[in-house]
Amino acid sequence: MKTLALVNQKGGSGKTTAALNLAAALAELGRRVLVVDTDRQASAHRWAMARDGAAPRPVHRLPVEDEGGARHFSAELRRLAAGRRAGIVLVDCPPGLPTAAIAALLVADLALIPVTPSPLDLWALEDALGMVAEARKARGGKLPRVGLVPSRLIAGTTLARDLPETLESFGEPVAPSIGQRIAIAESAIAGQTIGEYQPGSKGHEEFQALARWTVEAVKGGP
């Protein structure tokens, strides 16, 4: 089982959107994926259930409490994955709740950090990478790996062009970018992913590229 954690202590970075669309794109590659929603607001869970009568997605709510720690959280993830026969567990961490992010980072193979072209997001990224460093130290190795995901980019803008290069300066791998698109917001309202709502679109292709990058990033073990 591979565990992917989407983390960012700042809200509005596109974590939940990335979690569900990435999960769908990974499923297109033949992976069995379970999304675990650790946010008390249950945004991913609500999106997954809003499917106009269609079968709900494999999204499980698992709010992280202070009790139990990473070992308990890891055991719960494995139990849920076994029940779904999932090879990839994708953990959507809430903003502003370091307990959940740290628990996820202590068990994750890969931490994906969506970053929008905003100074506020860059400052939040420093905090997120600080938590990654703490997790790596506690685990005595190089896990979790990191992928910085340029997120909600507006095509043709200087900020969109400059953000990937800016992220490279943080010393961690930069994943394929995700643009800001009306169709992605519309798909969420319909309880769909962009691949269902607008298959073959640029937004769909971006998440497919992110899925392929993610599969390569978690290969090879620790």
N, C-alpha and C. Protein backbone atom coordinates (compact mmCIF):
# COMPACT_ATOMS: atom_id res chain seq x y z
N MET A 1 0.83 -1.20 0.00
CA MET A 1 0.00 0.00 0.00
C MET A 1 0.86 1.24 0.00
N LYS A 2 0.53 2.20 -0.83
CA LYS A 2 1.21 3.49 -0.85
C LYS A 2 0.25 4.55 -0.29
N THR A 3 0.80 5.42 0.53
CA THR A 3 -0.01 6.48 1.14
C THR A 3 0.45 7.83 0.62
N LEU A 4 -0.48 8.59 0.11
CA LEU A 4 -0.22 9.94 -0.36
C LEU A 4 -0.96 10.92 0.53
N ALA A 5 -0.28 11.95 1.00
CA ALA A 5 -0.91 12.95 1.85
C ALA A 5 -0.93 14.29 1.14
N LEU A 6 -2.11 14.88 1.04
CA LEU A 6 -2.22 16.24 0.51
C LEU A 6 -2.29 17.20 1.68
N VAL A 7 -1.27 18.05 1.79
CA VAL A 7 -1.16 18.91 2.96
C VAL A 7 -0.92 20.36 2.54
N ASN A 8 -1.45 21.24 3.32
CA ASN A 8 -1.19 22.68 3.24
C ASN A 8 -1.97 23.32 4.37
N GLN A 9 -1.30 24.05 5.24
CA GLN A 9 -1.96 24.63 6.40
C GLN A 9 -2.84 25.82 6.05
N LYS A 10 -2.74 26.29 4.80
CA LYS A 10 -3.58 27.40 4.36
C LYS A 10 -4.75 26.87 3.54
N GLY A 11 -5.93 27.38 3.80
CA GLY A 11 -7.10 26.98 3.03
C GLY A 11 -7.08 27.60 1.63
N GLY A 12 -7.85 27.03 0.72
CA GLY A 12 -8.00 27.60 -0.62
C GLY A 12 -6.91 27.24 -1.60
N SER A 13 -6.07 26.26 -1.24
CA SER A 13 -4.97 25.89 -2.14
C SER A 13 -5.37 24.83 -3.15
N GLY A 14 -6.57 24.26 -3.00
CA GLY A 14 -7.03 23.27 -3.96
C GLY A 14 -6.75 21.84 -3.55
N LYS A 15 -6.58 21.57 -2.24
CA LYS A 15 -6.24 20.22 -1.80
C LYS A 15 -7.36 19.22 -2.10
N THR A 16 -8.58 19.55 -1.70
CA THR A 16 -9.68 18.60 -1.89
C THR A 16 -9.96 18.38 -3.37
N THR A 17 -9.92 19.45 -4.15
CA THR A 17 -10.10 19.31 -5.60
C THR A 17 -9.03 18.39 -6.17
N ALA A 18 -7.79 18.60 -5.75
CA ALA A 18 -6.70 17.76 -6.23
C ALA A 18 -6.86 16.33 -5.77
N ALA A 19 -7.30 16.12 -4.52
CA ALA A 19 -7.43 14.77 -3.98
C ALA A 19 -8.40 13.94 -4.81
N LEU A 20 -9.58 14.47 -5.08
CA LEU A 20 -10.60 13.69 -5.76
C LEU A 20 -10.29 13.52 -7.24
N ASN A 21 -9.80 14.56 -7.87
CA ASN A 21 -9.47 14.44 -9.29
C ASN A 21 -8.23 13.57 -9.51
N LEU A 22 -7.27 13.66 -8.60
CA LEU A 22 -6.09 12.80 -8.70
C LEU A 22 -6.49 11.34 -8.47
N ALA A 23 -7.36 11.10 -7.50
CA ALA A 23 -7.83 9.74 -7.24
C ALA A 23 -8.48 9.16 -8.49
N ALA A 24 -9.30 9.95 -9.16
CA ALA A 24 -9.96 9.48 -10.37
C ALA A 24 -8.95 9.20 -11.48
N ALA A 25 -7.96 10.07 -11.60
CA ALA A 25 -6.94 9.88 -12.64
C ALA A 25 -6.09 8.65 -12.35
N LEU A 26 -5.79 8.39 -11.08
CA LEU A 26 -5.06 7.18 -10.72
C LEU A 26 -5.88 5.94 -11.02
N ALA A 27 -7.20 6.02 -10.79
CA ALA A 27 -8.07 4.89 -11.11
C ALA A 27 -8.07 4.62 -12.62
N GLU A 28 -7.96 5.67 -13.42
CA GLU A 28 -7.87 5.49 -14.87
C GLU A 28 -6.62 4.71 -15.26
N LEU A 29 -5.59 4.80 -14.42
CA LEU A 29 -4.35 4.06 -14.67
C LEU A 29 -4.42 2.62 -14.14
N GLY A 30 -5.58 2.25 -13.62
CA GLY A 30 -5.76 0.89 -13.12
C GLY A 30 -5.46 0.72 -11.66
N ARG A 31 -5.23 1.80 -10.93
CA ARG A 31 -4.97 1.70 -9.50
C ARG A 31 -6.28 1.69 -8.71
N ARG A 32 -6.30 0.89 -7.65
CA ARG A 32 -7.44 0.91 -6.73
C ARG A 32 -7.13 1.94 -5.65
N VAL A 33 -7.96 2.97 -5.57
CA VAL A 33 -7.65 4.13 -4.74
C VAL A 33 -8.75 4.35 -3.70
N LEU A 34 -8.33 4.65 -2.48
CA LEU A 34 -9.25 5.08 -1.44
C LEU A 34 -8.85 6.48 -0.99
N VAL A 35 -9.82 7.38 -0.93
CA VAL A 35 -9.59 8.73 -0.41
C VAL A 35 -10.04 8.76 1.05
N VAL A 36 -9.18 9.25 1.92
CA VAL A 36 -9.51 9.39 3.33
C VAL A 36 -9.60 10.87 3.65
N ASP A 37 -10.76 11.30 4.10
CA ASP A 37 -11.04 12.70 4.39
C ASP A 37 -10.87 12.93 5.89
N THR A 38 -9.81 13.64 6.27
CA THR A 38 -9.54 13.89 7.69
C THR A 38 -10.08 15.23 8.18
N ASP A 39 -10.75 15.96 7.29
CA ASP A 39 -11.28 17.28 7.63
C ASP A 39 -12.64 17.14 8.31
N ARG A 40 -12.82 17.79 9.45
CA ARG A 40 -14.10 17.73 10.14
C ARG A 40 -15.23 18.32 9.29
N GLN A 41 -14.91 19.20 8.35
CA GLN A 41 -15.94 19.74 7.46
C GLN A 41 -16.36 18.74 6.39
N ALA A 42 -15.57 17.70 6.20
CA ALA A 42 -15.90 16.59 5.31
C ALA A 42 -16.17 17.03 3.87
N SER A 43 -15.38 17.97 3.37
CA SER A 43 -15.61 18.48 2.02
C SER A 43 -15.47 17.39 0.96
N ALA A 44 -14.42 16.57 1.07
CA ALA A 44 -14.21 15.50 0.08
C ALA A 44 -15.35 14.49 0.15
N HIS A 45 -15.77 14.14 1.35
CA HIS A 45 -16.85 13.18 1.53
C HIS A 45 -18.15 13.70 0.94
N ARG A 46 -18.45 14.96 1.16
CA ARG A 46 -19.68 15.54 0.63
C ARG A 46 -19.66 15.57 -0.89
N TRP A 47 -18.52 15.95 -1.45
CA TRP A 47 -18.39 15.96 -2.91
C TRP A 47 -18.60 14.54 -3.47
N ALA A 48 -17.99 13.57 -2.82
CA ALA A 48 -18.07 12.20 -3.31
C ALA A 48 -19.49 11.66 -3.26
N MET A 49 -20.29 12.13 -2.30
CA MET A 49 -21.65 11.63 -2.16
C MET A 49 -22.65 12.36 -3.05
N ALA A 50 -22.27 13.52 -3.60
CA ALA A 50 -23.20 14.33 -4.41
C ALA A 50 -23.13 13.90 -5.87
N ARG A 51 -23.66 12.72 -6.15
CA ARG A 51 -23.45 12.13 -7.47
C ARG A 51 -24.74 11.87 -8.24
N ASP A 52 -25.82 12.55 -7.91
CA ASP A 52 -27.07 12.44 -8.67
C ASP A 52 -27.52 10.99 -8.85
N GLY A 53 -27.49 10.24 -7.76
CA GLY A 53 -27.98 8.87 -7.81
C GLY A 53 -26.94 7.83 -8.18
N ALA A 54 -25.77 8.26 -8.63
CA ALA A 54 -24.72 7.30 -8.97
C ALA A 54 -24.09 6.75 -7.70
N ALA A 55 -23.38 5.65 -7.85
CA ALA A 55 -22.74 5.03 -6.69
C ALA A 55 -21.70 5.98 -6.10
N PRO A 56 -21.66 6.10 -4.77
CA PRO A 56 -20.67 7.00 -4.16
C PRO A 56 -19.26 6.52 -4.38
N ARG A 57 -18.33 7.45 -4.34
CA ARG A 57 -16.92 7.12 -4.51
C ARG A 57 -16.37 6.49 -3.23
N PRO A 58 -15.24 5.80 -3.33
CA PRO A 58 -14.60 5.26 -2.13
C PRO A 58 -13.89 6.37 -1.36
N VAL A 59 -14.68 7.13 -0.59
CA VAL A 59 -14.14 8.19 0.27
C VAL A 59 -14.59 7.88 1.70
N HIS A 60 -13.64 7.82 2.62
CA HIS A 60 -13.97 7.49 3.99
C HIS A 60 -13.59 8.65 4.90
N ARG A 61 -14.48 9.00 5.81
CA ARG A 61 -14.20 10.05 6.78
C ARG A 61 -13.40 9.48 7.94
N LEU A 62 -12.32 10.16 8.29
CA LEU A 62 -11.48 9.73 9.41
C LEU A 62 -10.86 10.96 10.06
N PRO A 63 -11.67 11.74 10.82
CA PRO A 63 -11.10 12.90 11.51
C PRO A 63 -10.00 12.47 12.45
N VAL A 64 -8.89 13.21 12.45
CA VAL A 64 -7.74 12.86 13.27
C VAL A 64 -7.84 13.55 14.61
N GLU A 65 -7.80 12.77 15.66
CA GLU A 65 -7.82 13.31 17.01
C GLU A 65 -6.41 13.27 17.59
N ASP A 66 -6.21 13.97 18.70
CA ASP A 66 -4.89 13.99 19.33
C ASP A 66 -4.51 12.62 19.89
N GLU A 67 -5.53 11.84 20.32
CA GLU A 67 -5.24 10.55 20.92
C GLU A 67 -4.86 9.54 19.83
N GLY A 68 -4.01 8.61 20.20
CA GLY A 68 -3.70 7.51 19.30
C GLY A 68 -2.41 7.68 18.53
N GLY A 69 -2.18 8.88 18.02
CA GLY A 69 -0.94 9.15 17.32
C GLY A 69 -0.85 8.49 15.96
N ALA A 70 0.36 8.58 15.38
CA ALA A 70 0.57 8.11 14.02
C ALA A 70 0.39 6.60 13.90
N ARG A 71 0.76 5.84 14.94
CA ARG A 71 0.64 4.38 14.85
C ARG A 71 -0.82 3.97 14.70
N HIS A 72 -1.70 4.59 15.50
CA HIS A 72 -3.13 4.30 15.40
C HIS A 72 -3.67 4.74 14.04
N PHE A 73 -3.24 5.90 13.57
CA PHE A 73 -3.69 6.42 12.28
C PHE A 73 -3.26 5.48 11.16
N SER A 74 -2.02 5.01 11.21
CA SER A 74 -1.51 4.09 10.20
C SER A 74 -2.32 2.80 10.19
N ALA A 75 -2.63 2.28 11.38
CA ALA A 75 -3.40 1.04 11.48
C ALA A 75 -4.79 1.22 10.88
N GLU A 76 -5.40 2.38 11.12
CA GLU A 76 -6.72 2.66 10.57
C GLU A 76 -6.67 2.75 9.04
N LEU A 77 -5.63 3.39 8.53
CA LEU A 77 -5.49 3.48 7.07
C LEU A 77 -5.36 2.10 6.45
N ARG A 78 -4.57 1.24 7.07
CA ARG A 78 -4.37 -0.10 6.53
C ARG A 78 -5.66 -0.93 6.61
N ARG A 79 -6.40 -0.74 7.69
CA ARG A 79 -7.67 -1.45 7.83
C ARG A 79 -8.64 -1.02 6.73
N LEU A 80 -8.73 0.29 6.52
CA LEU A 80 -9.63 0.80 5.49
C LEU A 80 -9.19 0.36 4.10
N ALA A 81 -7.89 0.40 3.85
CA ALA A 81 -7.37 -0.01 2.55
C ALA A 81 -7.65 -1.49 2.29
N ALA A 82 -7.49 -2.31 3.32
CA ALA A 82 -7.75 -3.74 3.15
C ALA A 82 -9.22 -3.98 2.83
N GLY A 83 -10.11 -3.24 3.48
CA GLY A 83 -11.53 -3.39 3.23
C GLY A 83 -11.92 -3.03 1.80
N ARG A 84 -11.20 -2.09 1.23
CA ARG A 84 -11.47 -1.66 -0.15
C ARG A 84 -10.53 -2.30 -1.16
N ARG A 85 -9.58 -3.09 -0.66
CA ARG A 85 -8.53 -3.68 -1.51
C ARG A 85 -7.81 -2.59 -2.31
N ALA A 86 -7.54 -1.49 -1.61
CA ALA A 86 -6.91 -0.33 -2.25
C ALA A 86 -5.40 -0.44 -2.19
N GLY A 87 -4.75 -0.14 -3.29
CA GLY A 87 -3.30 -0.12 -3.33
C GLY A 87 -2.73 1.26 -3.05
N ILE A 88 -3.58 2.28 -3.16
CA ILE A 88 -3.18 3.66 -2.88
C ILE A 88 -4.21 4.29 -1.96
N VAL A 89 -3.76 4.85 -0.87
CA VAL A 89 -4.62 5.62 0.03
C VAL A 89 -4.20 7.08 -0.07
N LEU A 90 -5.15 7.93 -0.40
CA LEU A 90 -4.89 9.34 -0.59
C LEU A 90 -5.56 10.11 0.56
N VAL A 91 -4.74 10.73 1.41
CA VAL A 91 -5.25 11.39 2.62
C VAL A 91 -5.38 12.90 2.37
N ASP A 92 -6.61 13.39 2.46
CA ASP A 92 -6.89 14.82 2.31
C ASP A 92 -6.86 15.46 3.69
N CYS A 93 -5.80 16.23 3.97
CA CYS A 93 -5.62 16.84 5.30
C CYS A 93 -6.26 18.22 5.34
N PRO A 94 -6.86 18.58 6.47
CA PRO A 94 -7.51 19.89 6.58
C PRO A 94 -6.50 21.00 6.81
N PRO A 95 -6.85 22.23 6.41
CA PRO A 95 -5.99 23.37 6.72
C PRO A 95 -6.09 23.73 8.20
N GLY A 96 -5.03 24.33 8.73
CA GLY A 96 -5.09 24.86 10.07
C GLY A 96 -5.16 23.83 11.18
N LEU A 97 -4.86 22.56 10.88
CA LEU A 97 -4.90 21.52 11.90
C LEU A 97 -3.63 20.68 11.79
N PRO A 98 -2.54 21.14 12.39
CA PRO A 98 -1.26 20.44 12.25
C PRO A 98 -1.29 19.00 12.72
N THR A 99 -2.17 18.67 13.68
CA THR A 99 -2.23 17.29 14.19
C THR A 99 -2.49 16.31 13.05
N ALA A 100 -3.46 16.64 12.20
CA ALA A 100 -3.82 15.76 11.09
C ALA A 100 -2.68 15.68 10.08
N ALA A 101 -2.08 16.81 9.77
CA ALA A 101 -1.00 16.83 8.78
C ALA A 101 0.20 16.03 9.28
N ILE A 102 0.58 16.22 10.53
CA ILE A 102 1.73 15.50 11.07
C ILE A 102 1.46 13.99 11.09
N ALA A 103 0.25 13.59 11.51
CA ALA A 103 -0.08 12.17 11.52
C ALA A 103 0.03 11.58 10.13
N ALA A 104 -0.45 12.31 9.13
CA ALA A 104 -0.38 11.82 7.75
C ALA A 104 1.06 11.77 7.26
N LEU A 105 1.85 12.79 7.58
CA LEU A 105 3.24 12.83 7.11
C LEU A 105 4.09 11.73 7.75
N LEU A 106 3.73 11.31 8.95
CA LEU A 106 4.48 10.26 9.63
C LEU A 106 4.25 8.88 9.02
N VAL A 107 3.24 8.76 8.16
CA VAL A 107 2.97 7.46 7.53
C VAL A 107 3.01 7.53 6.01
N ALA A 108 3.11 8.72 5.45
CA ALA A 108 2.98 8.89 4.00
C ALA A 108 4.26 8.51 3.26
N ASP A 109 4.08 7.96 2.07
CA ASP A 109 5.19 7.74 1.15
C ASP A 109 5.49 9.02 0.36
N LEU A 110 4.43 9.79 0.10
CA LEU A 110 4.56 11.01 -0.70
C LEU A 110 3.64 12.08 -0.15
N ALA A 111 4.19 13.27 0.07
CA ALA A 111 3.40 14.43 0.46
C ALA A 111 3.24 15.34 -0.74
N LEU A 112 2.02 15.55 -1.17
CA LEU A 112 1.72 16.49 -2.24
C LEU A 112 1.24 17.79 -1.62
N ILE A 113 1.90 18.89 -1.99
CA ILE A 113 1.58 20.19 -1.40
C ILE A 113 1.14 21.13 -2.51
N PRO A 114 -0.18 21.32 -2.69
CA PRO A 114 -0.66 22.29 -3.69
C PRO A 114 -0.31 23.71 -3.25
N VAL A 115 0.17 24.51 -4.19
CA VAL A 115 0.57 25.88 -3.90
C VAL A 115 0.02 26.80 -4.98
N THR A 116 -0.76 27.79 -4.59
CA THR A 116 -1.28 28.75 -5.55
C THR A 116 -0.28 29.90 -5.72
N PRO A 117 -0.40 30.67 -6.81
CA PRO A 117 0.54 31.79 -7.03
C PRO A 117 0.21 32.98 -6.14
N SER A 118 0.46 32.82 -4.86
CA SER A 118 0.17 33.85 -3.87
C SER A 118 1.28 33.86 -2.83
N PRO A 119 1.73 35.05 -2.40
CA PRO A 119 2.73 35.10 -1.33
C PRO A 119 2.28 34.37 -0.07
N LEU A 120 0.97 34.40 0.23
CA LEU A 120 0.46 33.71 1.40
C LEU A 120 0.69 32.21 1.29
N ASP A 121 0.51 31.67 0.09
CA ASP A 121 0.74 30.24 -0.10
C ASP A 121 2.22 29.89 0.02
N LEU A 122 3.08 30.76 -0.46
CA LEU A 122 4.51 30.51 -0.35
C LEU A 122 4.96 30.52 1.10
N TRP A 123 4.38 31.41 1.90
CA TRP A 123 4.70 31.41 3.33
C TRP A 123 4.18 30.13 3.99
N ALA A 124 2.97 29.72 3.61
CA ALA A 124 2.42 28.49 4.16
C ALA A 124 3.24 27.28 3.74
N LEU A 125 3.81 27.34 2.54
CA LEU A 125 4.65 26.25 2.07
C LEU A 125 5.86 26.06 2.98
N GLU A 126 6.43 27.14 3.45
CA GLU A 126 7.56 27.04 4.36
C GLU A 126 7.16 26.26 5.61
N ASP A 127 5.96 26.53 6.12
CA ASP A 127 5.48 25.81 7.30
C ASP A 127 5.28 24.33 6.98
N ALA A 128 4.69 24.04 5.81
CA ALA A 128 4.44 22.65 5.43
C ALA A 128 5.75 21.88 5.28
N LEU A 129 6.74 22.52 4.67
CA LEU A 129 8.04 21.84 4.52
C LEU A 129 8.73 21.66 5.87
N GLY A 130 8.45 22.56 6.79
CA GLY A 130 8.97 22.38 8.14
C GLY A 130 8.39 21.13 8.79
N MET A 131 7.09 20.88 8.58
CA MET A 131 6.47 19.68 9.12
C MET A 131 7.03 18.43 8.43
N VAL A 132 7.28 18.53 7.12
CA VAL A 132 7.89 17.40 6.40
C VAL A 132 9.25 17.07 7.01
N ALA A 133 10.05 18.11 7.28
CA ALA A 133 11.37 17.90 7.87
C ALA A 133 11.26 17.22 9.23
N GLU A 134 10.28 17.62 10.04
CA GLU A 134 10.07 16.98 11.33
C GLU A 134 9.71 15.52 11.17
N ALA A 135 8.84 15.23 10.19
CA ALA A 135 8.42 13.85 9.96
C ALA A 135 9.60 12.99 9.49
N ARG A 136 10.41 13.54 8.59
CA ARG A 136 11.58 12.80 8.11
C ARG A 136 12.54 12.50 9.26
N LYS A 137 12.74 13.48 10.12
CA LYS A 137 13.64 13.28 11.26
C LYS A 137 13.10 12.20 12.19
N ALA A 138 11.78 12.25 12.46
CA ALA A 138 11.18 11.26 13.35
C ALA A 138 11.25 9.86 12.76
N ARG A 139 11.19 9.78 11.43
CA ARG A 139 11.20 8.47 10.76
C ARG A 139 12.62 8.00 10.44
N GLY A 140 13.59 8.88 10.63
CA GLY A 140 14.97 8.50 10.41
C GLY A 140 15.32 8.17 8.98
N GLY A 141 14.71 8.90 8.04
CA GLY A 141 14.99 8.62 6.64
C GLY A 141 14.55 9.75 5.74
N LYS A 142 14.25 9.42 4.50
CA LYS A 142 13.91 10.43 3.50
C LYS A 142 12.40 10.49 3.21
N LEU A 143 11.61 9.72 3.93
CA LEU A 143 10.17 9.74 3.73
C LEU A 143 9.52 10.71 4.69
N PRO A 144 8.48 11.39 4.26
CA PRO A 144 7.86 11.26 2.94
C PRO A 144 8.61 12.03 1.86
N ARG A 145 8.56 11.48 0.64
CA ARG A 145 8.97 12.30 -0.49
C ARG A 145 7.99 13.45 -0.63
N VAL A 146 8.36 14.43 -1.44
CA VAL A 146 7.52 15.63 -1.59
C VAL A 146 7.29 15.92 -3.06
N GLY A 147 6.10 16.38 -3.37
CA GLY A 147 5.81 16.94 -4.68
C GLY A 147 5.09 18.27 -4.50
N LEU A 148 5.69 19.34 -4.97
CA LEU A 148 5.06 20.65 -4.91
C LEU A 148 4.20 20.82 -6.15
N VAL A 149 2.91 21.07 -5.97
CA VAL A 149 1.96 21.10 -7.08
C VAL A 149 1.52 22.53 -7.35
N PRO A 150 2.02 23.18 -8.40
CA PRO A 150 1.50 24.50 -8.76
C PRO A 150 0.01 24.39 -9.04
N SER A 151 -0.79 25.15 -8.32
CA SER A 151 -2.23 24.92 -8.31
C SER A 151 -3.00 26.20 -8.61
N ARG A 152 -4.15 26.02 -9.27
CA ARG A 152 -5.08 27.13 -9.56
C ARG A 152 -4.38 28.23 -10.36
N LEU A 153 -3.61 27.82 -11.35
CA LEU A 153 -2.88 28.78 -12.18
C LEU A 153 -3.81 29.35 -13.26
N ILE A 154 -3.73 30.64 -13.46
CA ILE A 154 -4.52 31.30 -14.51
C ILE A 154 -3.65 31.43 -15.74
N ALA A 155 -4.06 30.78 -16.81
CA ALA A 155 -3.25 30.71 -18.03
C ALA A 155 -2.93 32.10 -18.56
N GLY A 156 -1.70 32.26 -19.03
CA GLY A 156 -1.28 33.50 -19.66
C GLY A 156 -0.81 34.58 -18.71
N THR A 157 -0.83 34.31 -17.41
CA THR A 157 -0.40 35.32 -16.44
C THR A 157 1.07 35.10 -16.07
N THR A 158 1.69 36.19 -15.67
CA THR A 158 3.09 36.11 -15.24
C THR A 158 3.24 35.21 -14.02
N LEU A 159 2.28 35.30 -13.09
CA LEU A 159 2.35 34.48 -11.89
C LEU A 159 2.31 32.99 -12.24
N ALA A 160 1.47 32.63 -13.21
CA ALA A 160 1.38 31.23 -13.62
C ALA A 160 2.68 30.75 -14.24
N ARG A 161 3.32 31.62 -15.01
CA ARG A 161 4.58 31.24 -15.65
C ARG A 161 5.71 31.13 -14.64
N ASP A 162 5.69 32.01 -13.64
CA ASP A 162 6.82 32.09 -12.72
C ASP A 162 6.75 31.09 -11.56
N LEU A 163 5.55 30.65 -11.19
CA LEU A 163 5.41 29.84 -9.98
C LEU A 163 6.22 28.54 -10.00
N PRO A 164 6.17 27.73 -11.08
CA PRO A 164 6.98 26.50 -11.05
C PRO A 164 8.46 26.75 -10.79
N GLU A 165 9.01 27.80 -11.41
CA GLU A 165 10.42 28.12 -11.19
C GLU A 165 10.66 28.58 -9.76
N THR A 166 9.72 29.35 -9.22
CA THR A 166 9.84 29.78 -7.82
C THR A 166 9.84 28.58 -6.88
N LEU A 167 8.99 27.61 -7.16
CA LEU A 167 8.90 26.44 -6.30
C LEU A 167 10.17 25.60 -6.35
N GLU A 168 10.84 25.58 -7.49
CA GLU A 168 12.09 24.82 -7.59
C GLU A 168 13.13 25.31 -6.59
N SER A 169 13.05 26.59 -6.22
CA SER A 169 14.04 27.14 -5.30
C SER A 169 13.90 26.57 -3.89
N PHE A 170 12.79 25.87 -3.61
CA PHE A 170 12.60 25.29 -2.27
C PHE A 170 13.31 23.94 -2.14
N GLY A 171 13.88 23.45 -3.24
CA GLY A 171 14.70 22.25 -3.16
C GLY A 171 13.96 20.93 -3.16
N GLU A 172 12.68 20.94 -3.48
CA GLU A 172 11.89 19.72 -3.57
C GLU A 172 11.34 19.58 -4.99
N PRO A 173 11.04 18.34 -5.43
CA PRO A 173 10.51 18.15 -6.78
C PRO A 173 9.21 18.91 -7.02
N VAL A 174 9.08 19.44 -8.21
CA VAL A 174 7.87 20.17 -8.61
C VAL A 174 7.06 19.28 -9.55
N ALA A 175 5.82 19.05 -9.19
CA ALA A 175 4.93 18.18 -9.96
C ALA A 175 4.27 18.98 -11.09
N PRO A 176 3.59 18.30 -12.02
CA PRO A 176 2.86 19.01 -13.07
C PRO A 176 1.83 19.99 -12.50
N SER A 177 1.63 21.08 -13.22
CA SER A 177 0.75 22.16 -12.76
C SER A 177 -0.72 21.84 -13.02
N ILE A 178 -1.57 22.45 -12.19
CA ILE A 178 -3.03 22.36 -12.35
C ILE A 178 -3.57 23.77 -12.53
N GLY A 179 -4.28 24.00 -13.61
CA GLY A 179 -4.82 25.33 -13.88
C GLY A 179 -6.14 25.58 -13.16
N GLN A 180 -6.48 26.85 -13.06
CA GLN A 180 -7.78 27.22 -12.51
C GLN A 180 -8.79 27.25 -13.65
N ARG A 181 -9.81 26.40 -13.54
CA ARG A 181 -10.75 26.24 -14.64
C ARG A 181 -12.18 26.20 -14.12
N ILE A 182 -13.08 26.90 -14.82
CA ILE A 182 -14.49 26.92 -14.46
C ILE A 182 -15.05 25.51 -14.47
N ALA A 183 -14.61 24.69 -15.43
CA ALA A 183 -15.15 23.34 -15.56
C ALA A 183 -14.88 22.51 -14.32
N ILE A 184 -13.75 22.73 -13.65
CA ILE A 184 -13.44 21.97 -12.44
C ILE A 184 -14.42 22.34 -11.33
N ALA A 185 -14.73 23.63 -11.19
CA ALA A 185 -15.72 24.05 -10.19
C ALA A 185 -17.10 23.49 -10.53
N GLU A 186 -17.46 23.52 -11.80
CA GLU A 186 -18.76 22.99 -12.23
C GLU A 186 -18.85 21.49 -11.97
N SER A 187 -17.74 20.78 -12.20
CA SER A 187 -17.76 19.34 -11.97
C SER A 187 -17.98 19.02 -10.49
N ALA A 188 -17.42 19.83 -9.61
CA ALA A 188 -17.60 19.61 -8.17
C ALA A 188 -19.06 19.78 -7.78
N ILE A 189 -19.73 20.78 -8.35
CA ILE A 189 -21.14 21.01 -8.05
C ILE A 189 -21.97 19.79 -8.46
N ALA A 190 -21.57 19.16 -9.56
CA ALA A 190 -22.27 17.97 -10.06
C ALA A 190 -21.85 16.69 -9.36
N GLY A 191 -20.89 16.79 -8.43
CA GLY A 191 -20.39 15.61 -7.76
C GLY A 191 -19.55 14.74 -8.67
N GLN A 192 -18.94 15.36 -9.68
CA GLN A 192 -18.14 14.62 -10.64
C GLN A 192 -16.69 15.10 -10.61
N THR A 193 -15.82 14.30 -11.19
CA THR A 193 -14.45 14.75 -11.41
C THR A 193 -14.40 15.38 -12.79
N ILE A 194 -13.31 16.06 -13.07
CA ILE A 194 -13.18 16.73 -14.36
C ILE A 194 -13.15 15.70 -15.49
N GLY A 195 -12.62 14.50 -15.22
CA GLY A 195 -12.59 13.46 -16.23
C GLY A 195 -13.95 12.95 -16.61
N GLU A 196 -14.91 13.00 -15.67
CA GLU A 196 -16.28 12.61 -15.95
C GLU A 196 -17.05 13.76 -16.60
N TYR A 197 -16.82 14.95 -16.07
CA TYR A 197 -17.59 16.11 -16.51
C TYR A 197 -17.15 16.60 -17.88
N GLN A 198 -15.84 16.58 -18.12
CA GLN A 198 -15.32 17.10 -19.38
C GLN A 198 -14.11 16.23 -19.81
N PRO A 199 -14.38 14.98 -20.18
CA PRO A 199 -13.28 14.08 -20.54
C PRO A 199 -12.48 14.59 -21.73
N GLY A 200 -11.16 14.41 -21.63
CA GLY A 200 -10.29 14.86 -22.71
C GLY A 200 -9.97 16.33 -22.71
N SER A 201 -10.52 17.08 -21.73
CA SER A 201 -10.25 18.51 -21.64
C SER A 201 -8.85 18.75 -21.11
N LYS A 202 -8.43 20.01 -21.17
CA LYS A 202 -7.10 20.37 -20.66
C LYS A 202 -7.00 20.07 -19.17
N GLY A 203 -8.07 20.36 -18.43
CA GLY A 203 -8.06 20.07 -17.00
C GLY A 203 -7.92 18.58 -16.73
N HIS A 204 -8.62 17.77 -17.50
CA HIS A 204 -8.51 16.32 -17.36
C HIS A 204 -7.08 15.87 -17.65
N GLU A 205 -6.51 16.38 -18.71
CA GLU A 205 -5.14 16.01 -19.08
C GLU A 205 -4.14 16.40 -18.00
N GLU A 206 -4.38 17.54 -17.34
CA GLU A 206 -3.46 17.97 -16.28
C GLU A 206 -3.47 16.98 -15.12
N PHE A 207 -4.65 16.52 -14.72
CA PHE A 207 -4.70 15.56 -13.62
C PHE A 207 -4.17 14.20 -14.04
N GLN A 208 -4.33 13.84 -15.30
CA GLN A 208 -3.71 12.60 -15.78
C GLN A 208 -2.19 12.70 -15.70
N ALA A 209 -1.65 13.86 -16.06
CA ALA A 209 -0.20 14.06 -15.97
C ALA A 209 0.26 14.00 -14.52
N LEU A 210 -0.52 14.58 -13.61
CA LEU A 210 -0.17 14.54 -12.18
C LEU A 210 -0.22 13.10 -11.67
N ALA A 211 -1.19 12.33 -12.13
CA ALA A 211 -1.30 10.92 -11.71
C ALA A 211 -0.08 10.13 -12.17
N ARG A 212 0.33 10.32 -13.42
CA ARG A 212 1.51 9.60 -13.91
C ARG A 212 2.76 10.00 -13.13
N TRP A 213 2.89 11.28 -12.85
CA TRP A 213 4.04 11.76 -12.06
C TRP A 213 4.03 11.14 -10.67
N THR A 214 2.85 11.06 -10.07
CA THR A 214 2.71 10.52 -8.71
C THR A 214 3.11 9.05 -8.67
N VAL A 215 2.67 8.28 -9.66
CA VAL A 215 3.02 6.86 -9.70
C VAL A 215 4.54 6.69 -9.77
N GLU A 216 5.20 7.49 -10.58
CA GLU A 216 6.65 7.41 -10.67
C GLU A 216 7.32 7.83 -9.36
N ALA A 217 6.74 8.84 -8.70
CA ALA A 217 7.35 9.38 -7.48
C ALA A 217 7.35 8.40 -6.33
N VAL A 218 6.36 7.48 -6.30
CA VAL A 218 6.29 6.54 -5.17
C VAL A 218 6.93 5.19 -5.50
N LYS A 219 7.49 5.06 -6.67
CA LYS A 219 8.16 3.80 -7.01
C LYS A 219 9.47 3.64 -6.25
N GLY A 220 9.84 2.40 -6.04
CA GLY A 220 11.19 2.13 -5.54
C GLY A 220 11.32 2.04 -4.04
N GLY A 221 10.20 2.21 -3.28
CA GLY A 221 10.30 2.05 -1.84
C GLY A 221 11.00 3.22 -1.16
N PRO A 222 11.41 3.05 0.12
CA PRO A 222 12.04 4.15 0.88
C PRO A 222 13.33 4.62 0.25
